[in-house]
Amino acid sequence: MSEIQPPRFPWLRYILVLIVILLIALGPVISVIISSSIASANGCNLNEGGVNVCMVGGTDMGDMLYTMFVMGWFGLLTLPLGFGAVIVWIVIVTTHRIAWGRRQKGIQP
Protein backbone atom coordinates (compact mmCIF):
# COMPACT_ATOMS: atom_id res chain seq x y z
CA MET A 1 0.00 0.00 0.00
CA SER A 2 1.14 3.53 -0.64
CA GLU A 3 2.00 5.83 2.18
CA ILE A 4 -0.16 8.90 2.75
CA GLN A 5 1.94 11.99 2.19
CA PRO A 6 1.48 14.94 4.51
CA PRO A 7 0.10 18.12 2.95
CA ARG A 8 2.66 20.53 1.55
CA PHE A 9 3.11 24.06 2.84
CA PRO A 10 1.11 26.50 0.63
CA TRP A 11 4.08 28.43 -0.76
CA LEU A 12 2.31 29.21 -4.04
CA ARG A 13 -0.42 31.22 -2.31
CA TYR A 14 2.11 33.22 -0.35
CA ILE A 15 4.24 33.90 -3.43
CA LEU A 16 1.19 35.10 -5.36
CA VAL A 17 0.26 37.47 -2.52
CA LEU A 18 3.84 38.79 -2.46
CA ILE A 19 3.74 39.40 -6.22
CA VAL A 20 0.49 41.37 -5.87
CA ILE A 21 1.97 43.45 -3.03
CA LEU A 22 5.09 44.21 -5.08
CA LEU A 23 3.11 45.10 -8.22
CA ILE A 24 0.92 47.53 -6.29
CA ALA A 25 3.88 49.05 -4.46
CA LEU A 26 6.05 49.36 -7.56
CA GLY A 27 3.24 50.23 -10.00
CA PRO A 28 3.95 53.98 -10.09
CA VAL A 29 7.68 53.40 -10.57
CA ILE A 30 6.99 50.93 -13.38
CA SER A 31 4.66 53.49 -14.98
CA VAL A 32 7.40 56.15 -14.94
CA ILE A 33 9.95 53.76 -16.41
CA ILE A 34 7.61 52.69 -19.24
CA SER A 35 6.52 56.25 -20.10
CA SER A 36 10.11 57.52 -20.01
CA SER A 37 11.28 54.66 -22.21
CA ILE A 38 8.55 55.25 -24.79
CA ALA A 39 9.22 59.00 -24.85
CA SER A 40 12.97 58.51 -25.10
CA ALA A 41 12.67 55.92 -27.88
CA ASN A 42 10.56 58.35 -29.91
CA GLY A 43 12.65 61.47 -29.23
CA CYS A 44 9.96 63.17 -27.15
CA ASN A 45 10.31 65.61 -24.27
CA LEU A 46 8.60 64.33 -21.11
CA ASN A 47 8.29 66.15 -17.78
CA GLU A 48 5.70 66.78 -15.10
CA GLY A 49 5.49 70.46 -15.99
CA GLY A 50 2.99 69.91 -18.78
CA VAL A 51 1.87 67.83 -21.72
CA ASN A 52 4.16 67.77 -24.74
CA VAL A 53 3.35 66.44 -28.18
CA CYS A 54 4.80 62.96 -28.66
CA MET A 55 4.11 61.24 -31.95
CA VAL A 56 4.27 57.45 -31.68
CA GLY A 57 3.31 55.58 -34.83
CA GLY A 58 1.43 58.59 -36.20
CA THR A 59 -0.60 59.11 -33.00
CA ASP A 60 -0.07 61.81 -30.38
CA MET A 61 0.61 59.91 -27.13
CA GLY A 62 1.63 63.00 -25.15
CA ASP A 63 -1.39 63.00 -22.82
CA MET A 64 -1.06 59.32 -21.96
CA LEU A 65 2.70 59.51 -21.42
CA TYR A 66 2.28 62.61 -19.25
CA THR A 67 -0.35 60.85 -17.12
CA MET A 68 1.81 57.75 -16.76
CA PHE A 69 4.81 59.90 -15.83
CA VAL A 70 2.97 61.97 -13.22
CA MET A 71 1.55 58.79 -11.66
CA GLY A 72 5.07 58.29 -10.30
CA TRP A 73 4.13 60.67 -7.50
CA PHE A 74 1.81 57.96 -6.14
CA GLY A 75 5.02 56.11 -5.30
CA LEU A 76 5.33 58.40 -2.28
CA LEU A 77 2.32 56.53 -0.91
CA THR A 78 2.60 53.06 -2.41
CA LEU A 79 6.29 52.42 -1.69
CA PRO A 80 6.11 52.89 2.10
CA LEU A 81 2.80 51.02 2.29
CA GLY A 82 4.25 48.22 0.18
CA PHE A 83 7.30 48.04 2.43
CA GLY A 84 5.02 47.72 5.47
CA ALA A 85 2.93 45.08 3.70
CA VAL A 86 6.05 43.04 2.91
CA ILE A 87 7.09 43.17 6.58
CA VAL A 88 3.62 41.95 7.62
CA TRP A 89 3.81 39.26 4.90
CA ILE A 90 7.16 38.02 6.26
CA VAL A 91 5.80 37.82 9.81
CA ILE A 92 2.69 35.91 8.68
CA VAL A 93 4.63 33.47 6.49
CA THR A 94 7.20 32.83 9.22
CA THR A 95 4.54 32.28 11.89
CA HIS A 96 2.50 30.01 9.64
CA ARG A 97 5.58 28.02 8.57
CA ILE A 98 6.70 27.45 12.17
CA ALA A 99 3.19 26.41 13.28
CA TRP A 100 2.81 24.17 10.21
CA GLY A 101 6.17 22.50 10.88
CA ARG A 102 5.28 21.81 14.49
CA ARG A 103 1.93 20.39 13.45
CA GLN A 104 3.65 18.06 10.99
CA LYS A 105 5.96 16.78 13.74
CA GLY A 106 3.04 16.30 16.10
CA ILE A 107 4.14 19.10 18.44
CA GLN A 108 1.24 21.19 19.64
CA PRO A 109 1.79 24.97 19.54
C-alpha atoms as a PDB file:
ATOM      1  CA  MET A   1       0.000   0.000   0.000  1.00  0.00           C
ATOM      2  CA  SER A   2       1.142   3.526  -0.642  1.00  0.00           C
ATOM      3  CA  GLU A   3       2.000   5.833   2.183  1.00  0.00           C
ATOM      4  CA  ILE A   4      -0.165   8.904   2.755  1.00  0.00           C
ATOM      5  CA  GLN A   5       1.938  11.986   2.187  1.00  0.00           C
ATOM      6  CA  PRO A   6       1.477  14.944   4.514  1.00  0.00           C
ATOM      7  CA  PRO A   7       0.098  18.123   2.954  1.00  0.00           C
ATOM      8  CA  ARG A   8       2.656  20.530   1.554  1.00  0.00           C
ATOM      9  CA  PHE A   9       3.114  24.064   2.839  1.00  0.00           C
ATOM     10  CA  PRO A  10       1.107  26.499   0.627  1.00  0.00           C
ATOM     11  CA  TRP A  11       4.081  28.431  -0.757  1.00  0.00           C
ATOM     12  CA  LEU A  12       2.312  29.213  -4.039  1.00  0.00           C
ATOM     13  CA  ARG A  13      -0.420  31.217  -2.306  1.00  0.00           C
ATOM     14  CA  TYR A  14       2.106  33.221  -0.347  1.00  0.00           C
ATOM     15  CA  ILE A  15       4.243  33.899  -3.427  1.00  0.00           C
ATOM     16  CA  LEU A  16       1.188  35.102  -5.364  1.00  0.00           C
ATOM     17  CA  VAL A  17       0.261  37.471  -2.525  1.00  0.00           C
ATOM     18  CA  LEU A  18       3.837  38.790  -2.461  1.00  0.00           C
ATOM     19  CA  ILE A  19       3.744  39.396  -6.220  1.00  0.00           C
ATOM     20  CA  VAL A  20       0.489  41.369  -5.869  1.00  0.00           C
ATOM     21  CA  ILE A  21       1.970  43.451  -3.034  1.00  0.00           C
ATOM     22  CA  LEU A  22       5.091  44.214  -5.084  1.00  0.00           C
ATOM     23  CA  LEU A  23       3.115  45.100  -8.224  1.00  0.00           C
ATOM     24  CA  ILE A  24       0.922  47.528  -6.293  1.00  0.00           C
ATOM     25  CA  ALA A  25       3.877  49.052  -4.460  1.00  0.00           C
ATOM     26  CA  LEU A  26       6.053  49.364  -7.558  1.00  0.00           C
ATOM     27  CA  GLY A  27       3.244  50.229  -9.998  1.00  0.00           C
ATOM     28  CA  PRO A  28       3.950  53.982 -10.093  1.00  0.00           C
ATOM     29  CA  VAL A  29       7.678  53.396 -10.567  1.00  0.00           C
ATOM     30  CA  ILE A  30       6.989  50.932 -13.379  1.00  0.00           C
ATOM     31  CA  SER A  31       4.657  53.492 -14.980  1.00  0.00           C
ATOM     32  CA  VAL A  32       7.396  56.146 -14.940  1.00  0.00           C
ATOM     33  CA  ILE A  33       9.953  53.756 -16.414  1.00  0.00           C
ATOM     34  CA  ILE A  34       7.606  52.692 -19.238  1.00  0.00           C
ATOM     35  CA  SER A  35       6.524  56.247 -20.101  1.00  0.00           C
ATOM     36  CA  SER A  36      10.112  57.524 -20.010  1.00  0.00           C
ATOM     37  CA  SER A  37      11.278  54.658 -22.213  1.00  0.00           C
ATOM     38  CA  ILE A  38       8.549  55.255 -24.792  1.00  0.00           C
ATOM     39  CA  ALA A  39       9.217  59.005 -24.855  1.00  0.00           C
ATOM     40  CA  SER A  40      12.966  58.510 -25.102  1.00  0.00           C
ATOM     41  CA  ALA A  41      12.672  55.920 -27.880  1.00  0.00           C
ATOM     42  CA  ASN A  42      10.564  58.350 -29.914  1.00  0.00           C
ATOM     43  CA  GLY A  43      12.647  61.469 -29.226  1.00  0.00           C
ATOM     44  CA  CYS A  44       9.961  63.167 -27.150  1.00  0.00           C
ATOM     45  CA  ASN A  45      10.308  65.606 -24.268  1.00  0.00           C
ATOM     46  CA  LEU A  46       8.597  64.325 -21.107  1.00  0.00           C
ATOM     47  CA  ASN A  47       8.291  66.149 -17.782  1.00  0.00           C
ATOM     48  CA  GLU A  48       5.700  66.779 -15.096  1.00  0.00           C
ATOM     49  CA  GLY A  49       5.495  70.461 -15.987  1.00  0.00           C
ATOM     50  CA  GLY A  50       2.986  69.913 -18.777  1.00  0.00           C
ATOM     51  CA  VAL A  51       1.868  67.830 -21.723  1.00  0.00           C
ATOM     52  CA  ASN A  52       4.162  67.769 -24.738  1.00  0.00           C
ATOM     53  CA  VAL A  53       3.354  66.444 -28.180  1.00  0.00           C
ATOM     54  CA  CYS A  54       4.796  62.964 -28.657  1.00  0.00           C
ATOM     55  CA  MET A  55       4.106  61.241 -31.950  1.00  0.00           C
ATOM     56  CA  VAL A  56       4.274  57.454 -31.676  1.00  0.00           C
ATOM     57  CA  GLY A  57       3.312  55.581 -34.831  1.00  0.00           C
ATOM     58  CA  GLY A  58       1.435  58.590 -36.196  1.00  0.00           C
ATOM     59  CA  THR A  59      -0.595  59.112 -32.996  1.00  0.00           C
ATOM     60  CA  ASP A  60      -0.071  61.812 -30.377  1.00  0.00           C
ATOM     61  CA  MET A  61       0.613  59.914 -27.134  1.00  0.00           C
ATOM     62  CA  GLY A  62       1.633  63.000 -25.148  1.00  0.00           C
ATOM     63  CA  ASP A  63      -1.390  63.002 -22.817  1.00  0.00           C
ATOM     64  CA  MET A  64      -1.061  59.322 -21.962  1.00  0.00           C
ATOM     65  CA  LEU A  65       2.701  59.511 -21.422  1.00  0.00           C
ATOM     66  CA  TYR A  66       2.283  62.610 -19.252  1.00  0.00           C
ATOM     67  CA  THR A  67      -0.354  60.853 -17.123  1.00  0.00           C
ATOM     68  CA  MET A  68       1.813  57.754 -16.757  1.00  0.00           C
ATOM     69  CA  PHE A  69       4.813  59.900 -15.827  1.00  0.00           C
ATOM     70  CA  VAL A  70       2.966  61.968 -13.223  1.00  0.00           C
ATOM     71  CA  MET A  71       1.550  58.795 -11.656  1.00  0.00           C
ATOM     72  CA  GLY A  72       5.069  58.291 -10.304  1.00  0.00           C
ATOM     73  CA  TRP A  73       4.132  60.667  -7.499  1.00  0.00           C
ATOM     74  CA  PHE A  74       1.810  57.956  -6.143  1.00  0.00           C
ATOM     75  CA  GLY A  75       5.016  56.105  -5.296  1.00  0.00           C
ATOM     76  CA  LEU A  76       5.331  58.401  -2.284  1.00  0.00           C
ATOM     77  CA  LEU A  77       2.317  56.530  -0.912  1.00  0.00           C
ATOM     78  CA  THR A  78       2.600  53.059  -2.411  1.00  0.00           C
ATOM     79  CA  LEU A  79       6.287  52.415  -1.694  1.00  0.00           C
ATOM     80  CA  PRO A  80       6.112  52.891   2.104  1.00  0.00           C
ATOM     81  CA  LEU A  81       2.801  51.018   2.289  1.00  0.00           C
ATOM     82  CA  GLY A  82       4.250  48.223   0.185  1.00  0.00           C
ATOM     83  CA  PHE A  83       7.301  48.036   2.429  1.00  0.00           C
ATOM     84  CA  GLY A  84       5.023  47.716   5.469  1.00  0.00           C
ATOM     85  CA  ALA A  85       2.927  45.077   3.702  1.00  0.00           C
ATOM     86  CA  VAL A  86       6.055  43.038   2.907  1.00  0.00           C
ATOM     87  CA  ILE A  87       7.092  43.174   6.580  1.00  0.00           C
ATOM     88  CA  VAL A  88       3.624  41.948   7.624  1.00  0.00           C
ATOM     89  CA  TRP A  89       3.810  39.257   4.895  1.00  0.00           C
ATOM     90  CA  ILE A  90       7.165  38.023   6.259  1.00  0.00           C
ATOM     91  CA  VAL A  91       5.796  37.823   9.809  1.00  0.00           C
ATOM     92  CA  ILE A  92       2.690  35.915   8.677  1.00  0.00           C
ATOM     93  CA  VAL A  93       4.631  33.469   6.493  1.00  0.00           C
ATOM     94  CA  THR A  94       7.205  32.832   9.221  1.00  0.00           C
ATOM     95  CA  THR A  95       4.544  32.285  11.893  1.00  0.00           C
ATOM     96  CA  HIS A  96       2.504  30.010   9.644  1.00  0.00           C
ATOM     97  CA  ARG A  97       5.577  28.020   8.568  1.00  0.00           C
ATOM     98  CA  ILE A  98       6.698  27.450  12.171  1.00  0.00           C
ATOM     99  CA  ALA A  99       3.191  26.405  13.280  1.00  0.00           C
ATOM    100  CA  TRP A 100       2.811  24.170  10.208  1.00  0.00           C
ATOM    101  CA  GLY A 101       6.174  22.504  10.875  1.00  0.00           C
ATOM    102  CA  ARG A 102       5.278  21.815  14.488  1.00  0.00           C
ATOM    103  CA  ARG A 103       1.935  20.386  13.453  1.00  0.00           C
ATOM    104  CA  GLN A 104       3.652  18.063  10.986  1.00  0.00           C
ATOM    105  CA  LYS A 105       5.958  16.781  13.735  1.00  0.00           C
ATOM    106  CA  GLY A 106       3.039  16.300  16.101  1.00  0.00           C
ATOM    107  CA  ILE A 107       4.141  19.098  18.444  1.00  0.00           C
ATOM    108  CA  GLN A 108       1.235  21.193  19.639  1.00  0.00           C
ATOM    109  CA  PRO A 109       1.791  24.970  19.539  1.00  0.00           C
END
